[in-house]
N, C-alpha and C. Protein backbone atom coordinates (compact mmCIF):
# COMPACT_ATOMS: atom_id res chain seq x y z
N MET A 1 5.99 -23.77 -22.05
CA MET A 1 5.25 -23.40 -20.86
C MET A 1 4.72 -24.66 -20.19
N GLU A 2 4.92 -24.77 -18.88
CA GLU A 2 4.50 -25.94 -18.15
C GLU A 2 3.03 -25.85 -17.79
N GLN A 3 2.33 -26.95 -17.96
CA GLN A 3 0.90 -27.02 -17.67
C GLN A 3 0.68 -27.21 -16.18
N LYS A 4 -0.26 -26.45 -15.61
CA LYS A 4 -0.67 -26.66 -14.24
C LYS A 4 -2.04 -27.30 -14.24
N ILE A 5 -2.27 -28.16 -13.28
CA ILE A 5 -3.57 -28.78 -13.13
C ILE A 5 -4.33 -28.03 -12.05
N LYS A 6 -5.47 -27.47 -12.41
CA LYS A 6 -6.28 -26.75 -11.43
C LYS A 6 -6.96 -27.77 -10.54
N GLN A 7 -6.73 -27.65 -9.25
CA GLN A 7 -7.27 -28.61 -8.31
C GLN A 7 -8.71 -28.28 -7.96
N ASP A 8 -9.65 -28.84 -8.73
CA ASP A 8 -11.04 -28.72 -8.31
C ASP A 8 -11.39 -29.89 -7.41
N ARG A 9 -10.51 -30.89 -7.38
CA ARG A 9 -10.57 -31.99 -6.43
C ARG A 9 -9.16 -32.06 -5.82
N CYS A 10 -9.08 -32.06 -4.53
CA CYS A 10 -7.78 -32.03 -3.86
C CYS A 10 -7.17 -33.43 -3.79
N VAL A 11 -5.99 -33.57 -4.35
CA VAL A 11 -5.26 -34.84 -4.29
C VAL A 11 -4.32 -34.87 -3.08
N GLY A 12 -4.32 -33.79 -2.32
CA GLY A 12 -3.40 -33.68 -1.18
C GLY A 12 -3.56 -34.79 -0.17
N GLY A 13 -4.79 -35.20 0.11
CA GLY A 13 -5.01 -36.29 1.05
C GLY A 13 -4.39 -37.58 0.57
N ASN A 14 -4.50 -37.83 -0.73
CA ASN A 14 -3.88 -39.03 -1.30
C ASN A 14 -2.36 -38.94 -1.26
N LEU A 15 -1.82 -37.75 -1.51
CA LEU A 15 -0.37 -37.58 -1.39
C LEU A 15 0.08 -37.84 0.04
N ARG A 16 -0.69 -37.33 1.00
CA ARG A 16 -0.36 -37.54 2.42
C ARG A 16 -0.36 -39.04 2.74
N LYS A 17 -1.37 -39.77 2.27
CA LYS A 17 -1.44 -41.21 2.52
C LYS A 17 -0.25 -41.94 1.91
N LEU A 18 0.10 -41.56 0.69
CA LEU A 18 1.25 -42.19 0.03
C LEU A 18 2.54 -41.90 0.81
N ARG A 19 2.69 -40.65 1.24
CA ARG A 19 3.89 -40.25 1.99
C ARG A 19 3.98 -41.00 3.31
N MET A 20 2.87 -41.03 4.02
CA MET A 20 2.86 -41.69 5.33
C MET A 20 3.01 -43.21 5.18
N GLY A 21 2.49 -43.77 4.08
CA GLY A 21 2.64 -45.20 3.83
C GLY A 21 4.10 -45.60 3.64
N LEU A 22 4.92 -44.65 3.21
CA LEU A 22 6.36 -44.90 3.06
C LEU A 22 7.15 -44.36 4.25
N ASN A 23 6.44 -43.93 5.31
CA ASN A 23 7.06 -43.37 6.51
C ASN A 23 8.02 -42.24 6.18
N MET A 24 7.58 -41.35 5.29
CA MET A 24 8.39 -40.20 4.90
C MET A 24 7.83 -38.93 5.52
N THR A 25 8.70 -38.00 5.82
CA THR A 25 8.28 -36.68 6.26
C THR A 25 8.08 -35.80 5.03
N GLN A 26 7.43 -34.67 5.22
CA GLN A 26 7.29 -33.71 4.12
C GLN A 26 8.66 -33.25 3.66
N GLU A 27 9.57 -33.09 4.59
CA GLU A 27 10.94 -32.67 4.26
C GLU A 27 11.61 -33.71 3.37
N GLN A 28 11.45 -34.97 3.68
CA GLN A 28 12.06 -36.03 2.87
C GLN A 28 11.50 -36.05 1.46
N VAL A 29 10.19 -35.83 1.34
CA VAL A 29 9.58 -35.79 0.01
C VAL A 29 10.15 -34.61 -0.78
N SER A 30 10.23 -33.46 -0.15
CA SER A 30 10.75 -32.28 -0.87
C SER A 30 12.20 -32.50 -1.29
N ILE A 31 13.00 -33.16 -0.47
CA ILE A 31 14.39 -33.45 -0.83
C ILE A 31 14.44 -34.40 -2.03
N GLN A 32 13.59 -35.43 -2.02
CA GLN A 32 13.55 -36.36 -3.15
C GLN A 32 13.14 -35.64 -4.43
N MET A 33 12.21 -34.70 -4.32
CA MET A 33 11.81 -33.92 -5.50
C MET A 33 12.96 -33.03 -5.97
N GLN A 34 13.70 -32.44 -5.03
CA GLN A 34 14.85 -31.61 -5.39
C GLN A 34 15.91 -32.42 -6.12
N LEU A 35 16.10 -33.67 -5.70
CA LEU A 35 17.07 -34.55 -6.35
C LEU A 35 16.68 -34.85 -7.80
N GLN A 36 15.39 -34.69 -8.11
CA GLN A 36 14.91 -34.88 -9.48
C GLN A 36 14.93 -33.58 -10.27
N GLY A 37 15.36 -32.50 -9.63
CA GLY A 37 15.48 -31.22 -10.32
C GLY A 37 14.35 -30.24 -10.09
N PHE A 38 13.44 -30.56 -9.16
CA PHE A 38 12.34 -29.65 -8.85
C PHE A 38 12.76 -28.72 -7.72
N SER A 39 12.36 -27.47 -7.82
CA SER A 39 12.62 -26.51 -6.76
C SER A 39 11.45 -26.60 -5.78
N MET A 40 11.61 -27.44 -4.74
CA MET A 40 10.50 -27.69 -3.84
C MET A 40 10.98 -27.71 -2.39
N SER A 41 10.49 -26.76 -1.62
CA SER A 41 10.78 -26.74 -0.18
C SER A 41 9.71 -27.55 0.55
N ARG A 42 9.94 -27.80 1.83
CA ARG A 42 8.94 -28.50 2.63
C ARG A 42 7.65 -27.69 2.68
N ASP A 43 7.79 -26.38 2.80
CA ASP A 43 6.63 -25.49 2.84
C ASP A 43 5.80 -25.59 1.56
N TYR A 44 6.49 -25.60 0.44
CA TYR A 44 5.87 -25.71 -0.88
C TYR A 44 5.10 -27.02 -0.98
N TYR A 45 5.74 -28.11 -0.53
CA TYR A 45 5.08 -29.41 -0.56
C TYR A 45 3.86 -29.43 0.36
N ALA A 46 3.97 -28.81 1.53
CA ALA A 46 2.85 -28.74 2.47
C ALA A 46 1.64 -28.06 1.82
N HIS A 47 1.89 -27.03 1.04
CA HIS A 47 0.80 -26.35 0.32
C HIS A 47 0.13 -27.29 -0.67
N ILE A 48 0.91 -28.14 -1.31
CA ILE A 48 0.34 -29.11 -2.24
C ILE A 48 -0.56 -30.10 -1.48
N GLU A 49 -0.07 -30.62 -0.35
CA GLU A 49 -0.88 -31.54 0.45
C GLU A 49 -2.16 -30.88 0.95
N ASN A 50 -2.09 -29.60 1.27
CA ASN A 50 -3.25 -28.88 1.79
C ASN A 50 -4.19 -28.40 0.70
N GLY A 51 -3.79 -28.56 -0.55
CA GLY A 51 -4.64 -28.16 -1.66
C GLY A 51 -4.65 -26.68 -1.95
N THR A 52 -3.64 -25.96 -1.47
CA THR A 52 -3.59 -24.52 -1.70
C THR A 52 -2.63 -24.14 -2.83
N TYR A 53 -2.12 -25.16 -3.51
CA TYR A 53 -1.22 -24.92 -4.64
C TYR A 53 -1.61 -25.86 -5.77
N ASN A 54 -1.70 -25.33 -6.98
CA ASN A 54 -2.01 -26.15 -8.14
C ASN A 54 -0.76 -26.88 -8.60
N ILE A 55 -0.88 -28.19 -8.71
CA ILE A 55 0.25 -29.04 -9.05
C ILE A 55 0.55 -28.97 -10.54
N ARG A 56 1.83 -28.89 -10.88
CA ARG A 56 2.26 -28.97 -12.27
C ARG A 56 2.26 -30.44 -12.69
N THR A 57 1.97 -30.68 -13.94
CA THR A 57 1.96 -32.06 -14.42
C THR A 57 3.34 -32.71 -14.26
N SER A 58 4.39 -31.94 -14.44
CA SER A 58 5.74 -32.49 -14.25
C SER A 58 5.96 -32.91 -12.79
N GLU A 59 5.36 -32.18 -11.85
CA GLU A 59 5.47 -32.55 -10.44
C GLU A 59 4.76 -33.87 -10.16
N LEU A 60 3.63 -34.10 -10.81
CA LEU A 60 2.95 -35.38 -10.65
C LEU A 60 3.84 -36.53 -11.09
N ILE A 61 4.55 -36.32 -12.18
CA ILE A 61 5.48 -37.35 -12.65
C ILE A 61 6.58 -37.57 -11.61
N GLY A 62 7.09 -36.48 -11.04
CA GLY A 62 8.10 -36.59 -9.99
C GLY A 62 7.57 -37.33 -8.78
N PHE A 63 6.33 -37.04 -8.39
CA PHE A 63 5.73 -37.73 -7.24
C PHE A 63 5.56 -39.22 -7.53
N CYS A 64 5.25 -39.58 -8.77
CA CYS A 64 5.16 -41.01 -9.14
C CYS A 64 6.50 -41.69 -8.85
N ASN A 65 7.58 -41.02 -9.16
CA ASN A 65 8.91 -41.58 -8.89
C ASN A 65 9.18 -41.69 -7.39
N VAL A 66 8.86 -40.64 -6.66
CA VAL A 66 9.12 -40.63 -5.21
C VAL A 66 8.29 -41.70 -4.50
N PHE A 67 7.00 -41.77 -4.84
CA PHE A 67 6.08 -42.68 -4.15
C PHE A 67 6.00 -44.05 -4.81
N GLN A 68 6.72 -44.23 -5.91
CA GLN A 68 6.75 -45.51 -6.62
C GLN A 68 5.34 -46.02 -6.90
N CYS A 69 4.56 -45.17 -7.57
CA CYS A 69 3.17 -45.51 -7.87
C CYS A 69 2.80 -44.97 -9.25
N ASP A 70 1.58 -45.28 -9.68
CA ASP A 70 1.09 -44.73 -10.94
C ASP A 70 0.11 -43.59 -10.65
N PHE A 71 -0.33 -42.93 -11.70
CA PHE A 71 -1.20 -41.76 -11.54
C PHE A 71 -2.53 -42.10 -10.87
N ASN A 72 -3.01 -43.31 -11.04
CA ASN A 72 -4.29 -43.70 -10.46
C ASN A 72 -4.31 -43.52 -8.94
N ARG A 73 -3.19 -43.70 -8.30
CA ARG A 73 -3.11 -43.56 -6.83
C ARG A 73 -3.38 -42.13 -6.38
N PHE A 74 -3.01 -41.14 -7.22
CA PHE A 74 -3.24 -39.74 -6.86
C PHE A 74 -4.73 -39.40 -6.85
N PHE A 75 -5.47 -40.07 -7.72
CA PHE A 75 -6.88 -39.72 -7.91
C PHE A 75 -7.84 -40.74 -7.29
N ALA A 76 -7.32 -41.72 -6.57
CA ALA A 76 -8.15 -42.76 -5.97
C ALA A 76 -9.17 -42.15 -5.00
N GLY A 77 -10.41 -42.55 -5.15
CA GLY A 77 -11.46 -42.11 -4.23
C GLY A 77 -12.02 -40.73 -4.48
N LEU A 78 -11.56 -40.05 -5.49
CA LEU A 78 -12.07 -38.71 -5.79
C LEU A 78 -13.26 -38.83 -6.73
N ASP A 79 -14.36 -38.19 -6.38
CA ASP A 79 -15.55 -38.21 -7.22
C ASP A 79 -15.40 -37.28 -8.39
N ILE A 80 -16.07 -37.62 -9.47
CA ILE A 80 -16.07 -36.76 -10.67
C ILE A 80 -17.12 -35.70 -10.50
């Protein structure tokens, strides 16, 4: 069973910054995730950025690959 991370702090803004920093569209991110074996549409990714979907830990790993970053970038600036 895959673990989901309950978003009590939204990482969507950080995902948006990472995506825009690479000049990628939401569609391009979803395609890159699909190439890694994730079933992710642009709509699905938009929900993640908006904080209306709880991210799976495996998806975070996939995003690290897409955005070429470490986990710290997802949580930068979020208060405990």
